[in-house]
Amino acid sequence: MTETTMDQTSLDTLGPVDYVVVEFPAGASSFTGEMAAELVALVEAGTIRVIDALILVKDEDGSVEAMELSDVEDLGPLREVEAQLAELLAAEDVDHLAAAMEPGSTAGVLIWENLWAAPFASAARRAGGQLIADGRIPIQAIIAPIEADDAASTEGD
């Protein structure tokens, strides 16, 4: 695996950067290591570079504790990923993210560069292009109409 840190990355070659916040309601989390293994596989394949990762814990009283991966004792395969993090999120970012969380929940925050798209993004910038919009379609928005179509076709049989 080639290790490139954010310090070594030219802004000209930087790919699109995304983030995701995954909330685990109180008592509903089951951390088996599967998520860590999938994340490490994406990094090792050169698909993404993890820029920052946090674990947020929101107590029942609304107070929030933010932990960097380096604060976690047993990272297992995430140890290699943790060593390359840039720690971009500020306290105000944490406050904003925590406001969306339910009391008693835990959330994982992940920011990554899409290395697979970096050559295209760099070429677009060199051609004078600039990103004017981007977005993400939540998987639930895709699943709901498919399930509705399946239900409708089943009823018609």
C-alpha atoms as a PDB file:
ATOM      1  CA  MET A   1       0.000   0.000   0.000  1.00  0.00           C
ATOM      2  CA  THR A   2       1.357   3.413  -0.962  1.00  0.00           C
ATOM      3  CA  GLU A   3       0.961   5.843   1.896  1.00  0.00           C
ATOM      4  CA  THR A   4       0.378   9.445   0.884  1.00  0.00           C
ATOM      5  CA  THR A   5      -0.538  11.962   3.524  1.00  0.00           C
ATOM      6  CA  MET A   6      -2.487  15.164   2.980  1.00  0.00           C
ATOM      7  CA  ASP A   7       0.760  17.117   3.409  1.00  0.00           C
ATOM      8  CA  GLN A   8       2.205  15.319   0.374  1.00  0.00           C
ATOM      9  CA  THR A   9      -0.867  15.930  -1.802  1.00  0.00           C
ATOM     10  CA  SER A  10      -0.821  18.813  -4.261  1.00  0.00           C
ATOM     11  CA  LEU A  11      -4.094  20.716  -4.454  1.00  0.00           C
ATOM     12  CA  ASP A  12      -3.928  20.182  -8.217  1.00  0.00           C
ATOM     13  CA  THR A  13      -4.127  16.412  -7.802  1.00  0.00           C
ATOM     14  CA  LEU A  14      -6.666  16.296  -4.968  1.00  0.00           C
ATOM     15  CA  GLY A  15      -9.771  14.262  -5.702  1.00  0.00           C
ATOM     16  CA  PRO A  16     -13.313  15.011  -4.545  1.00  0.00           C
ATOM     17  CA  VAL A  17     -13.756  14.841  -0.768  1.00  0.00           C
ATOM     18  CA  ASP A  18     -16.855  13.329   0.852  1.00  0.00           C
ATOM     19  CA  TYR A  19     -18.050  12.707   4.359  1.00  0.00           C
ATOM     20  CA  VAL A  20     -20.569  10.464   6.036  1.00  0.00           C
ATOM     21  CA  VAL A  21     -21.978  10.388   9.549  1.00  0.00           C
ATOM     22  CA  VAL A  22     -23.421   7.048  10.648  1.00  0.00           C
ATOM     23  CA  GLU A  23     -25.471   7.035  13.842  1.00  0.00           C
ATOM     24  CA  PHE A  24     -25.917   3.959  15.991  1.00  0.00           C
ATOM     25  CA  PRO A  25     -28.915   4.318  18.326  1.00  0.00           C
ATOM     26  CA  ALA A  26     -28.469   3.381  21.976  1.00  0.00           C
ATOM     27  CA  GLY A  27     -28.200  -0.386  22.315  1.00  0.00           C
ATOM     28  CA  ALA A  28     -28.345  -0.972  18.557  1.00  0.00           C
ATOM     29  CA  SER A  29     -24.651  -1.004  17.643  1.00  0.00           C
ATOM     30  CA  SER A  30     -22.892  -4.268  16.907  1.00  0.00           C
ATOM     31  CA  PHE A  31     -19.255  -3.575  16.100  1.00  0.00           C
ATOM     32  CA  THR A  32     -17.842  -6.818  14.744  1.00  0.00           C
ATOM     33  CA  GLY A  33     -14.927  -5.322  12.864  1.00  0.00           C
ATOM     34  CA  GLU A  34     -16.646  -5.742   9.498  1.00  0.00           C
ATOM     35  CA  MET A  35     -16.843  -1.973   8.892  1.00  0.00           C
ATOM     36  CA  ALA A  36     -13.148  -1.523   9.720  1.00  0.00           C
ATOM     37  CA  ALA A  37     -12.172  -4.339   7.369  1.00  0.00           C
ATOM     38  CA  GLU A  38     -14.195  -2.827   4.507  1.00  0.00           C
ATOM     39  CA  LEU A  39     -12.689   0.615   5.112  1.00  0.00           C
ATOM     40  CA  VAL A  40      -9.144  -0.754   5.165  1.00  0.00           C
ATOM     41  CA  ALA A  41      -9.866  -2.684   1.943  1.00  0.00           C
ATOM     42  CA  LEU A  42     -10.937   0.549   0.203  1.00  0.00           C
ATOM     43  CA  VAL A  43      -7.762   2.292   1.380  1.00  0.00           C
ATOM     44  CA  GLU A  44      -5.491  -0.584   0.381  1.00  0.00           C
ATOM     45  CA  ALA A  45      -7.128  -0.785  -3.069  1.00  0.00           C
ATOM     46  CA  GLY A  46      -6.355   2.902  -3.622  1.00  0.00           C
ATOM     47  CA  THR A  47     -10.043   3.774  -3.981  1.00  0.00           C
ATOM     48  CA  ILE A  48     -10.073   6.284  -1.118  1.00  0.00           C
ATOM     49  CA  ARG A  49      -7.762   8.055   1.300  1.00  0.00           C
ATOM     50  CA  VAL A  50      -9.201   8.640   4.756  1.00  0.00           C
ATOM     51  CA  ILE A  51      -8.665  12.261   5.755  1.00  0.00           C
ATOM     52  CA  ASP A  52     -10.352  12.328   9.146  1.00  0.00           C
ATOM     53  CA  ALA A  53     -12.415  10.065  11.361  1.00  0.00           C
ATOM     54  CA  LEU A  54     -14.168  10.710  14.658  1.00  0.00           C
ATOM     55  CA  ILE A  55     -16.345   8.834  17.065  1.00  0.00           C
ATOM     56  CA  LEU A  56     -19.039  10.934  18.723  1.00  0.00           C
ATOM     57  CA  VAL A  57     -20.874   9.787  21.830  1.00  0.00           C
ATOM     58  CA  LYS A  58     -23.940  11.751  22.879  1.00  0.00           C
ATOM     59  CA  ASP A  59     -25.082  11.148  26.450  1.00  0.00           C
ATOM     60  CA  GLU A  60     -28.725  11.132  27.497  1.00  0.00           C
ATOM     61  CA  ASP A  61     -28.243  14.656  28.897  1.00  0.00           C
ATOM     62  CA  GLY A  62     -27.094  15.895  25.464  1.00  0.00           C
ATOM     63  CA  SER A  63     -23.409  16.285  26.289  1.00  0.00           C
ATOM     64  CA  VAL A  64     -21.064  15.063  23.556  1.00  0.00           C
ATOM     65  CA  GLU A  65     -17.665  13.430  23.709  1.00  0.00           C
ATOM     66  CA  ALA A  66     -15.607  13.425  20.502  1.00  0.00           C
ATOM     67  CA  MET A  67     -12.817  10.885  20.142  1.00  0.00           C
ATOM     68  CA  GLU A  68     -10.197  10.710  17.427  1.00  0.00           C
ATOM     69  CA  LEU A  69      -9.257   7.211  16.330  1.00  0.00           C
ATOM     70  CA  SER A  70      -5.971   7.668  18.184  1.00  0.00           C
ATOM     71  CA  ASP A  71      -8.034   7.791  21.409  1.00  0.00           C
ATOM     72  CA  VAL A  72      -9.317   4.239  20.816  1.00  0.00           C
ATOM     73  CA  GLU A  73      -7.179   1.555  22.444  1.00  0.00           C
ATOM     74  CA  ASP A  74      -7.767  -1.412  20.127  1.00  0.00           C
ATOM     75  CA  LEU A  75      -7.935  -0.138  16.544  1.00  0.00           C
ATOM     76  CA  GLY A  76      -6.916  -3.413  14.953  1.00  0.00           C
ATOM     77  CA  PRO A  77      -6.612  -2.963  11.177  1.00  0.00           C
ATOM     78  CA  LEU A  78      -7.536   0.731  11.449  1.00  0.00           C
ATOM     79  CA  ARG A  79      -4.141   1.467  13.040  1.00  0.00           C
ATOM     80  CA  GLU A  80      -2.577   2.052   9.578  1.00  0.00           C
ATOM     81  CA  VAL A  81      -5.428   4.356   8.536  1.00  0.00           C
ATOM     82  CA  GLU A  82      -5.256   6.330  11.782  1.00  0.00           C
ATOM     83  CA  ALA A  83      -1.584   7.146  11.289  1.00  0.00           C
ATOM     84  CA  GLN A  84      -2.405   9.124   8.103  1.00  0.00           C
ATOM     85  CA  LEU A  85      -5.283  11.278   9.373  1.00  0.00           C
ATOM     86  CA  ALA A  86      -5.239  15.037   8.932  1.00  0.00           C
ATOM     87  CA  GLU A  87      -7.777  15.831  11.700  1.00  0.00           C
ATOM     88  CA  LEU A  88      -9.699  18.493   9.783  1.00  0.00           C
ATOM     89  CA  LEU A  89     -12.823  18.698  11.917  1.00  0.00           C
ATOM     90  CA  ALA A  90     -13.013  21.646  14.316  1.00  0.00           C
ATOM     91  CA  ALA A  91     -15.014  21.904  17.546  1.00  0.00           C
ATOM     92  CA  GLU A  92     -17.798  23.798  15.763  1.00  0.00           C
ATOM     93  CA  ASP A  93     -18.051  20.957  13.217  1.00  0.00           C
ATOM     94  CA  VAL A  94     -18.454  18.475  16.052  1.00  0.00           C
ATOM     95  CA  ASP A  95     -21.168  20.634  17.631  1.00  0.00           C
ATOM     96  CA  HIS A  96     -23.028  20.824  14.319  1.00  0.00           C
ATOM     97  CA  LEU A  97     -22.836  17.064  13.735  1.00  0.00           C
ATOM     98  CA  ALA A  98     -23.784  16.224  17.316  1.00  0.00           C
ATOM     99  CA  ALA A  99     -26.901  18.399  17.066  1.00  0.00           C
ATOM    100  CA  ALA A 100     -28.337  15.885  14.580  1.00  0.00           C
ATOM    101  CA  MET A 101     -27.703  12.925  16.897  1.00  0.00           C
ATOM    102  CA  GLU A 102     -30.228  11.381  19.246  1.00  0.00           C
ATOM    103  CA  PRO A 103     -29.363  11.323  22.968  1.00  0.00           C
ATOM    104  CA  GLY A 104     -27.720   8.043  23.983  1.00  0.00           C
ATOM    105  CA  SER A 105     -26.379   7.355  20.498  1.00  0.00           C
ATOM    106  CA  THR A 106     -22.917   6.903  19.057  1.00  0.00           C
ATOM    107  CA  ALA A 107     -21.871   8.132  15.612  1.00  0.00           C
ATOM    108  CA  GLY A 108     -18.933   7.546  13.366  1.00  0.00           C
ATOM    109  CA  VAL A 109     -17.770  10.451  11.201  1.00  0.00           C
ATOM    110  CA  LEU A 110     -15.620   9.692   8.190  1.00  0.00           C
ATOM    111  CA  ILE A 111     -14.074  12.152   5.703  1.00  0.00           C
ATOM    112  CA  TRP A 112     -12.332  10.707   2.670  1.00  0.00           C
ATOM    113  CA  GLU A 113     -10.794  11.684  -0.633  1.00  0.00           C
ATOM    114  CA  ASN A 114     -12.072   9.791  -3.667  1.00  0.00           C
ATOM    115  CA  LEU A 115      -8.746   8.771  -5.172  1.00  0.00           C
ATOM    116  CA  TRP A 116     -10.506   6.989  -8.025  1.00  0.00           C
ATOM    117  CA  ALA A 117     -11.888  10.361  -9.210  1.00  0.00           C
ATOM    118  CA  ALA A 118      -8.748  12.450  -8.643  1.00  0.00           C
ATOM    119  CA  PRO A 119      -7.390  12.229 -12.222  1.00  0.00           C
ATOM    120  CA  PHE A 120     -10.746  13.353 -13.661  1.00  0.00           C
ATOM    121  CA  ALA A 121     -11.112  16.177 -11.108  1.00  0.00           C
ATOM    122  CA  SER A 122      -7.568  17.364 -11.800  1.00  0.00           C
ATOM    123  CA  ALA A 123      -8.156  17.301 -15.570  1.00  0.00           C
ATOM    124  CA  ALA A 124     -11.388  19.279 -15.128  1.00  0.00           C
ATOM    125  CA  ARG A 125      -9.554  21.938 -13.084  1.00  0.00           C
ATOM    126  CA  ARG A 126      -6.739  22.187 -15.665  1.00  0.00           C
ATOM    127  CA  ALA A 127      -9.402  22.693 -18.361  1.00  0.00           C
ATOM    128  CA  GLY A 128     -10.805  25.628 -16.380  1.00  0.00           C
ATOM    129  CA  GLY A 129     -13.766  23.762 -14.931  1.00  0.00           C
ATOM    130  CA  GLN A 130     -15.069  24.267 -11.434  1.00  0.00           C
ATOM    131  CA  LEU A 131     -17.487  22.251  -9.371  1.00  0.00           C
ATOM    132  CA  ILE A 132     -20.780  24.112  -9.133  1.00  0.00           C
ATOM    133  CA  ALA A 133     -22.929  21.373  -7.575  1.00  0.00           C
ATOM    134  CA  ASP A 134     -22.630  17.937  -6.126  1.00  0.00           C
ATOM    135  CA  GLY A 135     -24.797  15.702  -4.034  1.00  0.00           C
ATOM    136  CA  ARG A 136     -25.552  12.277  -2.826  1.00  0.00           C
ATOM    137  CA  ILE A 137     -28.728  10.252  -3.094  1.00  0.00           C
ATOM    138  CA  PRO A 138     -29.454   8.438   0.192  1.00  0.00           C
ATOM    139  CA  ILE A 139     -29.763   4.693  -0.342  1.00  0.00           C
ATOM    140  CA  GLN A 140     -33.171   4.782   1.377  1.00  0.00           C
ATOM    141  CA  ALA A 141     -34.426   7.064  -1.430  1.00  0.00           C
ATOM    142  CA  ILE A 142     -33.386   4.452  -3.994  1.00  0.00           C
ATOM    143  CA  ILE A 143     -34.687   1.425  -2.083  1.00  0.00           C
ATOM    144  CA  ALA A 144     -38.159   2.834  -1.346  1.00  0.00           C
ATOM    145  CA  PRO A 145     -39.339   3.153  -4.989  1.00  0.00           C
ATOM    146  CA  ILE A 146     -37.844  -0.244  -5.879  1.00  0.00           C
ATOM    147  CA  GLU A 147     -39.670  -1.866  -2.978  1.00  0.00           C
ATOM    148  CA  ALA A 148     -42.884  -0.032  -3.962  1.00  0.00           C
ATOM    149  CA  ASP A 149     -42.548  -1.289  -7.557  1.00  0.00           C
ATOM    150  CA  ASP A 150     -41.927  -4.834  -6.299  1.00  0.00           C
ATOM    151  CA  ALA A 151     -44.994  -4.650  -4.036  1.00  0.00           C
ATOM    152  CA  ALA A 152     -47.137  -3.295  -6.875  1.00  0.00           C
ATOM    153  CA  SER A 153     -46.010  -6.020  -9.285  1.00  0.00           C
ATOM    154  CA  THR A 154     -46.642  -8.704  -6.642  1.00  0.00           C
ATOM    155  CA  GLU A 155     -50.166  -7.383  -6.059  1.00  0.00           C
ATOM    156  CA  GLY A 156     -50.838  -7.485  -9.799  1.00  0.00           C
ATOM    157  CA  ASP A 157     -49.957 -11.200 -10.076  1.00  0.00           C
END
